Amino acid sequence: MTIPEETEPGTYTVEVTGQDSGIYGSAELTVTAPAPTQVEEEQTDQQVVTLARTGATVGGILLGAIILLGAGAALVALRAREDLELFD
């Protein structure tokens, strides 16, 4: 659903009715003021608005996981090799 830009901020109720089924539904919707879209660099006396950084840095965790998987695979391979030597 697209809200037109000229819609005033506030709380609205959206209501729908099925054409064939006649089923009715409604939901409350809150429209807020638009966020600033551009900050000019010449405005040094005003606070610069930036977006928050989201997500996580997972490089170290990923490297650790790969090392542990490699070590586990090596142990499994050694164990399988020892088991095969018993049957020789």
Protein backbone atom coordinates (compact mmCIF):
# COMPACT_ATOMS: atom_id res chain seq x y z
CA MET A 1 0.00 0.00 0.00
CA THR A 2 1.35 3.44 -0.90
CA ILE A 3 0.54 6.46 1.23
CA PRO A 4 0.41 9.72 -0.80
CA GLU A 5 3.07 12.28 0.20
CA GLU A 6 0.48 14.97 0.92
CA THR A 7 -1.22 12.85 3.63
CA GLU A 8 -1.18 14.68 6.96
CA PRO A 9 0.47 12.88 9.91
CA GLY A 10 -2.00 11.20 12.24
CA THR A 11 -3.88 7.99 12.99
CA TYR A 12 -6.12 6.52 10.29
CA THR A 13 -8.32 3.44 10.00
CA VAL A 14 -8.12 1.36 6.83
CA GLU A 15 -11.26 -0.65 6.09
CA VAL A 16 -11.72 -3.32 3.42
CA THR A 17 -14.68 -5.43 2.34
CA GLY A 18 -14.48 -8.40 -0.03
CA GLN A 19 -16.56 -7.82 -3.19
CA ASP A 20 -17.73 -11.41 -3.47
CA SER A 21 -17.38 -12.70 0.08
CA GLY A 22 -18.48 -9.59 1.94
CA ILE A 23 -15.84 -10.30 4.57
CA TYR A 24 -14.91 -7.12 6.41
CA GLY A 25 -11.57 -6.16 7.93
CA SER A 26 -9.99 -3.04 9.35
CA ALA A 27 -6.63 -1.92 10.72
CA GLU A 28 -5.33 1.19 12.39
CA LEU A 29 -2.50 2.99 10.61
CA THR A 30 -0.27 5.79 11.94
CA VAL A 31 1.26 8.22 9.44
CA THR A 32 4.32 10.10 10.69
CA ALA A 33 6.08 13.16 9.30
CA PRO A 34 8.59 12.37 6.55
CA ALA A 35 12.24 11.97 7.54
CA PRO A 36 14.81 14.44 6.21
CA THR A 37 16.02 13.25 2.81
CA GLN A 38 19.18 15.28 2.24
CA VAL A 39 21.71 17.16 4.36
CA GLU A 40 23.70 19.91 2.66
CA GLU A 41 27.41 20.07 3.48
CA GLU A 42 27.43 23.88 3.64
CA GLN A 43 25.32 23.78 6.80
CA THR A 44 28.21 23.28 9.23
CA ASP A 45 26.44 25.00 12.13
CA GLN A 46 23.62 22.42 12.16
CA GLN A 47 23.72 18.85 13.38
CA VAL A 48 24.28 16.27 10.63
CA VAL A 49 21.67 13.49 10.54
CA THR A 50 22.98 10.01 9.72
CA LEU A 51 21.34 6.61 9.59
CA ALA A 52 22.00 4.17 12.41
CA ARG A 53 24.31 1.26 11.63
CA THR A 54 22.43 -2.01 11.81
CA GLY A 55 23.55 -5.59 11.61
CA ALA A 56 26.61 -7.23 13.05
CA THR A 57 30.25 -7.73 12.16
CA VAL A 58 30.62 -11.47 11.75
CA GLY A 59 34.06 -11.78 10.11
CA GLY A 60 35.80 -13.08 13.24
CA ILE A 61 32.96 -15.42 14.12
CA LEU A 62 32.89 -16.79 10.57
CA LEU A 63 36.66 -17.36 10.56
CA GLY A 64 36.44 -19.16 13.92
CA ALA A 65 33.59 -21.35 12.65
CA ILE A 66 35.57 -22.31 9.54
CA ILE A 67 38.63 -23.21 11.64
CA LEU A 68 36.51 -25.34 14.01
CA LEU A 69 34.83 -27.11 11.07
CA GLY A 70 38.23 -27.85 9.55
CA ALA A 71 39.55 -29.20 12.85
CA GLY A 72 36.44 -31.37 13.26
CA ALA A 73 36.80 -32.74 9.74
CA ALA A 74 40.48 -33.55 10.39
CA LEU A 75 39.58 -35.43 13.60
CA VAL A 76 36.88 -37.42 11.81
CA ALA A 77 39.34 -38.28 9.03
CA LEU A 78 41.98 -39.41 11.55
CA ARG A 79 39.46 -41.53 13.42
CA ALA A 80 38.27 -43.15 10.19
CA ARG A 81 41.87 -43.85 9.20
CA GLU A 82 42.55 -45.50 12.58
CA ASP A 83 39.43 -47.64 12.21
CA LEU A 84 40.55 -48.80 8.76
CA GLU A 85 44.02 -49.75 10.10
CA LEU A 86 42.40 -52.08 12.63
CA PHE A 87 40.97 -54.19 9.80
CA ASP A 88 44.33 -54.61 8.00
